[in-house]
Each structure stands twice: as C-alpha cells, then as structure tokens.
PDB file of all heavy atoms in Angstrom:
ATOM      1  N   LEU A   1       0.828  -1.121  -0.004  1.00  0.00           N
ATOM      2  CA  LEU A   1       0.006   0.022   0.057  1.00  0.00           C
ATOM      3  C   LEU A   1       0.873   1.252  -0.006  1.00  0.00           C
ATOM      4  O   LEU A   1       0.526   2.231  -0.720  1.00  0.00           O
ATOM      5  CB  LEU A   1      -0.926  -0.010   1.196  1.00  0.00           C
ATOM      6  CG  LEU A   1      -1.871   1.106   1.324  1.00  0.00           C
ATOM      7  CD1 LEU A   1      -2.855   1.169   0.154  1.00  0.00           C
ATOM      8  CD2 LEU A   1      -2.716   0.934   2.733  1.00  0.00           C
ATOM      9  N   HIS A   2       1.886   1.280   0.727  1.00  0.00           N
ATOM     10  CA  HIS A   2       2.832   2.442   0.851  1.00  0.00           C
ATOM     11  C   HIS A   2       3.436   2.723  -0.484  1.00  0.00           C
ATOM     12  O   HIS A   2       3.613   3.724  -0.960  1.00  0.00           O
ATOM     13  CB  HIS A   2       3.826   2.251   1.971  1.00  0.00           C
ATOM     14  CG  HIS A   2       4.618   3.459   2.242  1.00  0.00           C
ATOM     15  ND1 HIS A   2       4.081   4.619   2.797  1.00  0.00           N
ATOM     16  CD2 HIS A   2       5.954   3.684   2.121  1.00  0.00           C
ATOM     17  CE1 HIS A   2       5.039   5.587   2.863  1.00  0.00           C
ATOM     18  NE2 HIS A   2       6.111   5.052   2.510  1.00  0.00           N
ATOM     19  N   ARG A   3       3.940   1.621  -1.093  1.00  0.00           N
ATOM     20  CA  ARG A   3       4.551   1.706  -2.426  1.00  0.00           C
ATOM     21  C   ARG A   3       3.578   2.326  -3.451  1.00  0.00           C
ATOM     22  O   ARG A   3       3.918   3.231  -4.247  1.00  0.00           O
ATOM     23  CB  ARG A   3       5.044   0.382  -2.955  1.00  0.00           C
ATOM     24  CG  ARG A   3       5.791   0.489  -4.221  1.00  0.00           C
ATOM     25  CD  ARG A   3       6.269  -0.913  -4.629  1.00  0.00           C
ATOM     26  NE  ARG A   3       5.142  -1.769  -4.980  1.00  0.00           N
ATOM     27  CZ  ARG A   3       5.353  -3.085  -5.329  1.00  0.00           C
ATOM     28  NH1 ARG A   3       6.539  -3.663  -5.328  1.00  0.00           N
ATOM     29  NH2 ARG A   3       4.201  -3.794  -5.618  1.00  0.00           N
ATOM     30  N   LYS A   4       2.367   1.931  -3.417  1.00  0.00           N
ATOM     31  CA  LYS A   4       1.358   2.485  -4.324  1.00  0.00           C
ATOM     32  C   LYS A   4       1.003   3.975  -3.966  1.00  0.00           C
ATOM     33  O   LYS A   4       0.995   4.881  -4.944  1.00  0.00           O
ATOM     34  CB  LYS A   4      -0.049   1.695  -4.051  1.00  0.00           C
ATOM     35  CG  LYS A   4      -1.120   2.112  -5.052  1.00  0.00           C
ATOM     36  CD  LYS A   4      -0.771   1.872  -6.498  1.00  0.00           C
ATOM     37  CE  LYS A   4      -2.037   2.098  -7.373  1.00  0.00           C
ATOM     38  NZ  LYS A   4      -1.852   1.691  -8.785  1.00  0.00           N
ATOM     39  N   ILE A   5       0.940   4.349  -2.646  1.00  0.00           N
ATOM     40  CA  ILE A   5       0.771   5.745  -2.361  1.00  0.00           C
ATOM     41  C   ILE A   5       1.901   6.633  -2.797  1.00  0.00           C
ATOM     42  O   ILE A   5       1.724   7.711  -3.316  1.00  0.00           O
ATOM     43  CB  ILE A   5       0.591   5.864  -0.828  1.00  0.00           C
ATOM     44  CG1 ILE A   5      -0.769   5.213  -0.396  1.00  0.00           C
ATOM     45  CG2 ILE A   5       0.699   7.306  -0.384  1.00  0.00           C
ATOM     46  CD1 ILE A   5      -1.010   5.256   1.084  1.00  0.00           C
ATOM     47  N   LEU A   6       3.137   6.171  -2.639  1.00  0.00           N
ATOM     48  CA  LEU A   6       4.296   6.964  -3.122  1.00  0.00           C
ATOM     49  C   LEU A   6       4.207   7.148  -4.613  1.00  0.00           C
ATOM     50  O   LEU A   6       4.481   8.271  -5.074  1.00  0.00           O
ATOM     51  CB  LEU A   6       5.576   6.250  -2.702  1.00  0.00           C
ATOM     52  CG  LEU A   6       5.945   6.269  -1.263  1.00  0.00           C
ATOM     53  CD1 LEU A   6       7.252   5.440  -1.143  1.00  0.00           C
ATOM     54  CD2 LEU A   6       6.122   7.643  -0.800  1.00  0.00           C
ATOM     55  N   ARG A   7       3.792   6.161  -5.386  1.00  0.00           N
ATOM     56  CA  ARG A   7       3.668   6.237  -6.771  1.00  0.00           C
ATOM     57  C   ARG A   7       2.630   7.292  -7.174  1.00  0.00           C
ATOM     58  O   ARG A   7       2.838   8.101  -8.042  1.00  0.00           O
ATOM     59  CB  ARG A   7       3.327   4.924  -7.350  1.00  0.00           C
ATOM     60  CG  ARG A   7       4.263   4.575  -8.583  1.00  0.00           C
ATOM     61  CD  ARG A   7       4.242   3.093  -8.953  1.00  0.00           C
ATOM     62  NE  ARG A   7       2.926   2.367  -8.847  1.00  0.00           N
ATOM     63  CZ  ARG A   7       2.883   1.217  -8.455  1.00  0.00           C
ATOM     64  NH1 ARG A   7       3.933   0.502  -7.911  1.00  0.00           N
ATOM     65  NH2 ARG A   7       1.751   0.591  -8.449  1.00  0.00           N
ATOM     66  N   LEU A   8       1.441   7.217  -6.480  1.00  0.00           N
ATOM     67  CA  LEU A   8       0.357   8.097  -6.792  1.00  0.00           C
ATOM     68  C   LEU A   8       0.624   9.476  -6.385  1.00  0.00           C
ATOM     69  O   LEU A   8       0.227  10.452  -7.101  1.00  0.00           O
ATOM     70  CB  LEU A   8      -0.977   7.596  -6.149  1.00  0.00           C
ATOM     71  CG  LEU A   8      -1.572   6.318  -6.591  1.00  0.00           C
ATOM     72  CD1 LEU A   8      -2.783   5.842  -5.791  1.00  0.00           C
ATOM     73  CD2 LEU A   8      -2.035   6.403  -8.063  1.00  0.00           C
ATOM     74  N   ALA A   9       1.290   9.662  -5.283  1.00  0.00           N
ATOM     75  CA  ALA A   9       1.715  10.912  -4.808  1.00  0.00           C
ATOM     76  C   ALA A   9       2.628  11.670  -5.779  1.00  0.00           C
ATOM     77  O   ALA A   9       2.475  12.942  -6.123  1.00  0.00           O
ATOM     78  CB  ALA A   9       2.237  10.972  -3.364  1.00  0.00           C
ATOM     79  N   THR A  10       3.559  10.971  -6.333  1.00  0.00           N
ATOM     80  CA  THR A  10       4.471  11.407  -7.283  1.00  0.00           C
ATOM     81  C   THR A  10       3.803  11.825  -8.572  1.00  0.00           C
ATOM     82  O   THR A  10       3.988  12.919  -9.169  1.00  0.00           O
ATOM     83  CB  THR A  10       5.574  10.427  -7.635  1.00  0.00           C
ATOM     84  OG1 THR A  10       6.277  10.086  -6.404  1.00  0.00           O
ATOM     85  CG2 THR A  10       6.508  10.965  -8.668  1.00  0.00           C
ATOM     86  N   GLN A  11       2.826  10.962  -9.074  1.00  0.00           N
ATOM     87  CA  GLN A  11       2.031  11.320 -10.226  1.00  0.00           C
ATOM     88  C   GLN A  11       1.170  12.551 -10.028  1.00  0.00           C
ATOM     89  O   GLN A  11       1.184  13.469 -10.811  1.00  0.00           O
ATOM     90  CB  GLN A  11       1.114  10.109 -10.567  1.00  0.00           C
ATOM     91  CG  GLN A  11       1.906   8.862 -11.069  1.00  0.00           C
ATOM     92  CD  GLN A  11       0.963   7.696 -11.194  1.00  0.00           C
ATOM     93  OE1 GLN A  11      -0.158   7.728 -11.048  1.00  0.00           O
ATOM     94  NE2 GLN A  11       1.657   6.587 -11.427  1.00  0.00           N
ATOM     95  N   ASP A  12       0.612  12.629  -8.808  1.00  0.00           N
ATOM     96  CA  ASP A  12      -0.289  13.890  -8.587  1.00  0.00           C
ATOM     97  C   ASP A  12       0.522  15.087  -8.558  1.00  0.00           C
ATOM     98  O   ASP A  12       0.150  16.139  -9.141  1.00  0.00           O
ATOM     99  CB  ASP A  12      -0.913  13.582  -7.216  1.00  0.00           C
ATOM    100  CG  ASP A  12      -2.238  12.757  -7.290  1.00  0.00           C
ATOM    101  OD1 ASP A  12      -2.519  12.371  -8.346  1.00  0.00           O
ATOM    102  OD2 ASP A  12      -2.915  12.649  -6.192  1.00  0.00           O
ATOM    103  N   ALA A  13       1.716  14.985  -7.827  1.00  0.00           N
ATOM    104  CA  ALA A  13       2.579  16.200  -7.834  1.00  0.00           C
ATOM    105  C   ALA A  13       3.001  16.700  -9.204  1.00  0.00           C
ATOM    106  O   ALA A  13       3.010  17.837  -9.477  1.00  0.00           O
ATOM    107  CB  ALA A  13       3.790  15.957  -6.920  1.00  0.00           C
ATOM    108  N   THR A  14       3.460  15.689  -9.985  1.00  0.00           N
ATOM    109  CA  THR A  14       3.832  16.016 -11.283  1.00  0.00           C
ATOM    110  C   THR A  14       2.707  16.674 -12.074  1.00  0.00           C
ATOM    111  O   THR A  14       2.895  17.679 -12.846  1.00  0.00           O
ATOM    112  CB  THR A  14       4.370  14.803 -12.051  1.00  0.00           C
ATOM    113  OG1 THR A  14       5.505  14.234 -11.304  1.00  0.00           O
ATOM    114  CG2 THR A  14       4.848  15.171 -13.501  1.00  0.00           C
ATOM    115  N   ALA A  15       1.478  16.024 -12.056  1.00  0.00           N
ATOM    116  CA  ALA A  15       0.342  16.559 -12.884  1.00  0.00           C
ATOM    117  C   ALA A  15      -0.012  18.020 -12.430  1.00  0.00           C
ATOM    118  O   ALA A  15      -0.306  18.818 -13.326  1.00  0.00           O
ATOM    119  CB  ALA A  15      -0.826  15.604 -12.722  1.00  0.00           C
ATOM    120  N   THR A  16      -0.087  18.181 -11.179  1.00  0.00           N
ATOM    121  CA  THR A  16      -0.616  19.443 -10.654  1.00  0.00           C
ATOM    122  C   THR A  16       0.407  20.544 -10.949  1.00  0.00           C
ATOM    123  O   THR A  16       0.065  21.792 -11.221  1.00  0.00           O
ATOM    124  CB  THR A  16      -0.942  19.418  -9.209  1.00  0.00           C
ATOM    125  OG1 THR A  16       0.124  18.910  -8.431  1.00  0.00           O
ATOM    126  CG2 THR A  16      -2.163  18.454  -8.916  1.00  0.00           C
ATOM    127  N   LYS A  17       1.724  20.254 -10.793  1.00  0.00           N
ATOM    128  CA  LYS A  17       2.723  21.272 -10.998  1.00  0.00           C
ATOM    129  C   LYS A  17       2.604  21.725 -12.477  1.00  0.00           C
ATOM    130  O   LYS A  17       2.861  22.965 -12.749  1.00  0.00           O
ATOM    131  CB  LYS A  17       4.210  20.716 -10.688  1.00  0.00           C
ATOM    132  CG  LYS A  17       4.376  20.725  -9.170  1.00  0.00           C
ATOM    133  CD  LYS A  17       5.678  20.174  -8.930  1.00  0.00           C
ATOM    134  CE  LYS A  17       5.995  20.132  -7.451  1.00  0.00           C
ATOM    135  NZ  LYS A  17       7.250  19.601  -7.065  1.00  0.00           N
ATOM    136  N   ALA A  18       2.246  20.866 -13.347  1.00  0.00           N
ATOM    137  CA  ALA A  18       2.206  21.279 -14.723  1.00  0.00           C
ATOM    138  C   ALA A  18       0.879  21.902 -15.216  1.00  0.00           C
ATOM    139  O   ALA A  18       0.811  22.489 -16.204  1.00  0.00           O
ATOM    140  CB  ALA A  18       2.377  19.893 -15.624  1.00  0.00           C
ATOM    141  N   ALA A  19      -0.163  21.715 -14.268  1.00  0.00           N
ATOM    142  CA  ALA A  19      -1.415  22.073 -14.644  1.00  0.00           C
ATOM    143  C   ALA A  19      -1.849  23.579 -14.344  1.00  0.00           C
ATOM    144  O   ALA A  19      -2.523  24.292 -15.026  1.00  0.00           O
ATOM    145  CB  ALA A  19      -2.489  21.169 -14.081  1.00  0.00           C
ATOM    146  N   LEU A  20      -1.437  23.996 -13.127  1.00  0.00           N
ATOM    147  CA  LEU A  20      -1.825  25.310 -12.653  1.00  0.00           C
ATOM    148  C   LEU A  20      -1.236  26.450 -13.445  1.00  0.00           C
ATOM    149  O   LEU A  20      -0.019  26.472 -13.674  1.00  0.00           O
ATOM    150  CB  LEU A  20      -1.527  25.463 -11.157  1.00  0.00           C
ATOM    151  CG  LEU A  20      -2.292  24.630 -10.182  1.00  0.00           C
ATOM    152  CD1 LEU A  20      -1.996  25.078  -8.788  1.00  0.00           C
ATOM    153  CD2 LEU A  20      -3.809  24.755 -10.372  1.00  0.00           C
ATOM    154  N   SER A  21      -2.065  27.410 -13.763  1.00  0.00           N
ATOM    155  CA  SER A  21      -1.582  28.654 -14.438  1.00  0.00           C
ATOM    156  C   SER A  21      -0.983  29.570 -13.425  1.00  0.00           C
ATOM    157  O   SER A  21      -1.365  29.502 -12.245  1.00  0.00           O
ATOM    158  CB  SER A  21      -2.686  29.319 -15.309  1.00  0.00           C
ATOM    159  OG  SER A  21      -3.617  29.891 -14.362  1.00  0.00           O
ATOM    160  N   PRO A  22      -0.102  30.522 -13.831  1.00  0.00           N
ATOM    161  CA  PRO A  22       0.393  31.543 -12.973  1.00  0.00           C
ATOM    162  C   PRO A  22      -0.737  32.314 -12.306  1.00  0.00           C
ATOM    163  O   PRO A  22      -0.611  32.645 -11.014  1.00  0.00           O
ATOM    164  CB  PRO A  22       1.189  32.528 -13.954  1.00  0.00           C
ATOM    165  CG  PRO A  22       1.575  31.633 -15.061  1.00  0.00           C
ATOM    166  CD  PRO A  22       0.416  30.747 -15.233  1.00  0.00           C
ATOM    167  N   ARG A  23      -1.817  32.717 -12.911  1.00  0.00           N
ATOM    168  CA  ARG A  23      -2.851  33.410 -12.167  1.00  0.00           C
ATOM    169  C   ARG A  23      -3.591  32.499 -11.191  1.00  0.00           C
ATOM    170  O   ARG A  23      -4.014  32.910 -10.118  1.00  0.00           O
ATOM    171  CB  ARG A  23      -3.883  33.885 -13.214  1.00  0.00           C
ATOM    172  CG  ARG A  23      -3.569  35.212 -13.902  1.00  0.00           C
ATOM    173  CD  ARG A  23      -3.371  36.279 -12.922  1.00  0.00           C
ATOM    174  NE  ARG A  23      -3.511  37.584 -13.438  1.00  0.00           N
ATOM    175  CZ  ARG A  23      -3.228  38.713 -12.878  1.00  0.00           C
ATOM    176  NH1 ARG A  23      -2.678  38.731 -11.613  1.00  0.00           N
ATOM    177  NH2 ARG A  23      -3.322  39.892 -13.464  1.00  0.00           N
ATOM    178  N   GLU A  24      -3.703  31.166 -11.417  1.00  0.00           N
ATOM    179  CA  GLU A  24      -4.309  30.329 -10.588  1.00  0.00           C
ATOM    180  C   GLU A  24      -3.398  30.142  -9.251  1.00  0.00           C
ATOM    181  O   GLU A  24      -3.951  30.136  -8.167  1.00  0.00           O
ATOM    182  CB  GLU A  24      -4.517  28.964 -11.127  1.00  0.00           C
ATOM    183  CG  GLU A  24      -5.679  28.960 -12.149  1.00  0.00           C
ATOM    184  CD  GLU A  24      -5.689  27.649 -13.014  1.00  0.00           C
ATOM    185  OE1 GLU A  24      -4.774  26.918 -13.049  1.00  0.00           O
ATOM    186  OE2 GLU A  24      -6.802  27.538 -13.808  1.00  0.00           O
ATOM    187  N   VAL A  25      -2.132  30.182  -9.549  1.00  0.00           N
ATOM    188  CA  VAL A  25      -1.113  30.099  -8.429  1.00  0.00           C
ATOM    189  C   VAL A  25      -1.280  31.317  -7.590  1.00  0.00           C
ATOM    190  O   VAL A  25      -1.341  31.392  -6.332  1.00  0.00           O
ATOM    191  CB  VAL A  25       0.259  29.864  -8.929  1.00  0.00           C
ATOM    192  CG1 VAL A  25       1.254  30.055  -7.738  1.00  0.00           C
ATOM    193  CG2 VAL A  25       0.465  28.595  -9.518  1.00  0.00           C
ATOM    194  N   ASP A  26      -1.338  32.480  -8.251  1.00  0.00           N
ATOM    195  CA  ASP A  26      -1.451  33.751  -7.474  1.00  0.00           C
ATOM    196  C   ASP A  26      -2.814  33.857  -6.664  1.00  0.00           C
ATOM    197  O   ASP A  26      -2.692  34.294  -5.532  1.00  0.00           O
ATOM    198  CB  ASP A  26      -1.483  34.960  -8.532  1.00  0.00           C
ATOM    199  CG  ASP A  26      -0.212  35.125  -9.198  1.00  0.00           C
ATOM    200  OD1 ASP A  26       0.894  34.693  -8.650  1.00  0.00           O
ATOM    201  OD2 ASP A  26      -0.169  35.793 -10.306  1.00  0.00           O
ATOM    202  N   ALA A  27      -3.872  33.462  -7.221  1.00  0.00           N
ATOM    203  CA  ALA A  27      -5.194  33.515  -6.557  1.00  0.00           C
ATOM    204  C   ALA A  27      -5.047  32.666  -5.311  1.00  0.00           C
ATOM    205  O   ALA A  27      -5.455  33.010  -4.215  1.00  0.00           O
ATOM    206  CB  ALA A  27      -6.262  33.051  -7.464  1.00  0.00           C
ATOM    207  N   LEU A  28      -4.650  31.375  -5.477  1.00  0.00           N
ATOM    208  CA  LEU A  28      -4.587  30.483  -4.228  1.00  0.00           C
ATOM    209  C   LEU A  28      -3.662  30.972  -3.187  1.00  0.00           C
ATOM    210  O   LEU A  28      -3.914  30.840  -2.006  1.00  0.00           O
ATOM    211  CB  LEU A  28      -4.260  29.057  -4.641  1.00  0.00           C
ATOM    212  CG  LEU A  28      -5.228  28.259  -5.519  1.00  0.00           C
ATOM    213  CD1 LEU A  28      -4.778  26.853  -5.781  1.00  0.00           C
ATOM    214  CD2 LEU A  28      -6.563  28.286  -4.905  1.00  0.00           C
ATOM    215  N   THR A  29      -2.459  31.532  -3.622  1.00  0.00           N
ATOM    216  CA  THR A  29      -1.547  31.994  -2.647  1.00  0.00           C
ATOM    217  C   THR A  29      -2.059  33.112  -1.781  1.00  0.00           C
ATOM    218  O   THR A  29      -1.942  33.131  -0.592  1.00  0.00           O
ATOM    219  CB  THR A  29      -0.274  32.464  -3.391  1.00  0.00           C
ATOM    220  OG1 THR A  29       0.339  31.409  -4.234  1.00  0.00           O
ATOM    221  CG2 THR A  29       0.792  33.092  -2.367  1.00  0.00           C
ATOM    222  N   LEU A  30      -2.696  34.173  -2.515  1.00  0.00           N
ATOM    223  CA  LEU A  30      -3.315  35.311  -1.699  1.00  0.00           C
ATOM    224  C   LEU A  30      -4.369  34.830  -0.902  1.00  0.00           C
ATOM    225  O   LEU A  30      -4.542  35.317   0.322  1.00  0.00           O
ATOM    226  CB  LEU A  30      -3.708  36.318  -2.682  1.00  0.00           C
ATOM    227  CG  LEU A  30      -2.596  37.027  -3.542  1.00  0.00           C
ATOM    228  CD1 LEU A  30      -3.119  37.940  -4.663  1.00  0.00           C
ATOM    229  CD2 LEU A  30      -1.707  37.769  -2.578  1.00  0.00           C
ATOM    230  N   LEU A  31      -5.232  33.899  -1.221  1.00  0.00           N
ATOM    231  CA  LEU A  31      -6.293  33.431  -0.478  1.00  0.00           C
ATOM    232  C   LEU A  31      -5.659  32.632   0.759  1.00  0.00           C
ATOM    233  O   LEU A  31      -6.228  32.746   1.898  1.00  0.00           O
ATOM    234  CB  LEU A  31      -7.166  32.501  -1.243  1.00  0.00           C
ATOM    235  CG  LEU A  31      -8.105  33.102  -2.278  1.00  0.00           C
ATOM    236  CD1 LEU A  31      -8.789  32.064  -3.187  1.00  0.00           C
ATOM    237  CD2 LEU A  31      -9.222  33.948  -1.592  1.00  0.00           C
ATOM    238  N   ALA A  32      -4.591  31.915   0.600  1.00  0.00           N
ATOM    239  CA  ALA A  32      -4.031  31.191   1.613  1.00  0.00           C
ATOM    240  C   ALA A  32      -3.480  32.116   2.718  1.00  0.00           C
ATOM    241  O   ALA A  32      -3.369  31.734   3.847  1.00  0.00           O
ATOM    242  CB  ALA A  32      -2.838  30.312   1.058  1.00  0.00           C
ATOM    243  N   PHE A  33      -3.063  33.397   2.315  1.00  0.00           N
ATOM    244  CA  PHE A  33      -2.670  34.265   3.322  1.00  0.00           C
ATOM    245  C   PHE A  33      -3.708  34.998   4.036  1.00  0.00           C
ATOM    246  O   PHE A  33      -3.464  35.929   4.951  1.00  0.00           O
ATOM    247  CB  PHE A  33      -1.762  35.336   2.629  1.00  0.00           C
ATOM    248  CG  PHE A  33      -0.335  34.905   2.400  1.00  0.00           C
ATOM    249  CD1 PHE A  33       0.134  34.607   1.161  1.00  0.00           C
ATOM    250  CD2 PHE A  33       0.557  34.856   3.541  1.00  0.00           C
ATOM    251  CE1 PHE A  33       1.524  34.235   1.059  1.00  0.00           C
ATOM    252  CE2 PHE A  33       1.916  34.480   3.343  1.00  0.00           C
ATOM    253  CZ  PHE A  33       2.353  34.105   2.120  1.00  0.00           C
ATOM    254  N   GLY A  34      -4.959  34.573   3.736  1.00  0.00           N
ATOM    255  CA  GLY A  34      -6.097  35.116   4.530  1.00  0.00           C
ATOM    256  C   GLY A  34      -6.825  36.323   4.010  1.00  0.00           C
ATOM    257  O   GLY A  34      -7.689  36.766   4.522  1.00  0.00           O
ATOM    258  N   HIS A  35      -6.462  36.658   2.737  1.00  0.00           N
ATOM    259  CA  HIS A  35      -7.282  37.834   2.090  1.00  0.00           C
ATOM    260  C   HIS A  35      -8.556  37.241   1.586  1.00  0.00           C
ATOM    261  O   HIS A  35      -8.726  36.184   1.165  1.00  0.00           O
ATOM    262  CB  HIS A  35      -6.387  38.267   0.855  1.00  0.00           C
ATOM    263  CG  HIS A  35      -4.972  38.794   1.255  1.00  0.00           C
ATOM    264  ND1 HIS A  35      -4.899  39.960   2.057  1.00  0.00           N
ATOM    265  CD2 HIS A  35      -3.783  38.507   0.950  1.00  0.00           C
ATOM    266  CE1 HIS A  35      -3.573  40.207   2.199  1.00  0.00           C
ATOM    267  NE2 HIS A  35      -2.922  39.356   1.471  1.00  0.00           N
ATOM    268  N   SER A  36      -9.552  38.251   1.593  1.00  0.00           N
ATOM    269  CA  SER A  36     -10.944  37.896   1.151  1.00  0.00           C
ATOM    270  C   SER A  36     -10.828  37.896  -0.437  1.00  0.00           C
ATOM    271  O   SER A  36      -9.920  38.354  -1.110  1.00  0.00           O
ATOM    272  CB  SER A  36     -11.844  38.922   1.588  1.00  0.00           C
ATOM    273  OG  SER A  36     -11.556  40.217   0.942  1.00  0.00           O
ATOM    274  N   ARG A  37     -11.857  37.307  -0.995  1.00  0.00           N
ATOM    275  CA  ARG A  37     -11.899  37.319  -2.492  1.00  0.00           C
ATOM    276  C   ARG A  37     -11.988  38.734  -3.107  1.00  0.00           C
ATOM    277  O   ARG A  37     -11.281  38.922  -4.091  1.00  0.00           O
ATOM    278  CB  ARG A  37     -13.168  36.561  -2.933  1.00  0.00           C
ATOM    279  CG  ARG A  37     -13.021  35.078  -2.597  1.00  0.00           C
ATOM    280  CD  ARG A  37     -14.120  34.298  -3.355  1.00  0.00           C
ATOM    281  NE  ARG A  37     -14.017  32.746  -3.090  1.00  0.00           N
ATOM    282  CZ  ARG A  37     -14.395  31.917  -3.991  1.00  0.00           C
ATOM    283  NH1 ARG A  37     -14.945  32.245  -5.106  1.00  0.00           N
ATOM    284  NH2 ARG A  37     -14.277  30.657  -3.614  1.00  0.00           N
ATOM    285  N   ALA A  38     -12.658  39.594  -2.468  1.00  0.00           N
ATOM    286  CA  ALA A  38     -12.640  40.961  -2.948  1.00  0.00           C
ATOM    287  C   ALA A  38     -11.296  41.592  -2.857  1.00  0.00           C
ATOM    288  O   ALA A  38     -10.867  42.260  -3.753  1.00  0.00           O
ATOM    289  CB  ALA A  38     -13.655  41.798  -2.086  1.00  0.00           C
ATOM    290  N   GLN A  39     -10.505  41.336  -1.810  1.00  0.00           N
ATOM    291  CA  GLN A  39      -9.184  41.909  -1.730  1.00  0.00           C
ATOM    292  C   GLN A  39      -8.241  41.290  -2.728  1.00  0.00           C
ATOM    293  O   GLN A  39      -7.414  42.001  -3.339  1.00  0.00           O
ATOM    294  CB  GLN A  39      -8.690  41.650  -0.279  1.00  0.00           C
ATOM    295  CG  GLN A  39      -9.319  42.394   0.811  1.00  0.00           C
ATOM    296  CD  GLN A  39      -8.891  42.004   2.187  1.00  0.00           C
ATOM    297  OE1 GLN A  39      -8.651  40.785   2.547  1.00  0.00           O
ATOM    298  NE2 GLN A  39      -8.792  42.866   3.097  1.00  0.00           N
ATOM    299  N   VAL A  40      -8.376  39.935  -2.906  1.00  0.00           N
ATOM    300  CA  VAL A  40      -7.543  39.252  -3.924  1.00  0.00           C
ATOM    301  C   VAL A  40      -7.836  39.794  -5.319  1.00  0.00           C
ATOM    302  O   VAL A  40      -6.861  40.098  -6.071  1.00  0.00           O
ATOM    303  CB  VAL A  40      -7.736  37.761  -3.878  1.00  0.00           C
ATOM    304  CG1 VAL A  40      -6.976  37.012  -5.080  1.00  0.00           C
ATOM    305  CG2 VAL A  40      -7.257  37.226  -2.534  1.00  0.00           C
TER     306      VAL A  40
END
C-alpha cells in the first residue's frame, strides 16, 4: 500500500505542477494568506 501511495503522490505532484496557471497560483497564494476574495 505504501509503495502504491508513493507512486500516486508522485504522479499527482507532477500533474498538478504542470497544470496550474500563474494566475491560479497567484489566486490560491493570496487566499492562503487570509485575504478575502474581494481583496484578492
């Protein structure tokens, strides 16, 4: 099970790093810092 999880986690990380656009990264980063949607 652990071997499978490591494989899937690596695949997920690779896929998501390639998928998010710069604006999507900016939006999530600012929201993560606690800013409201209006502020972001």
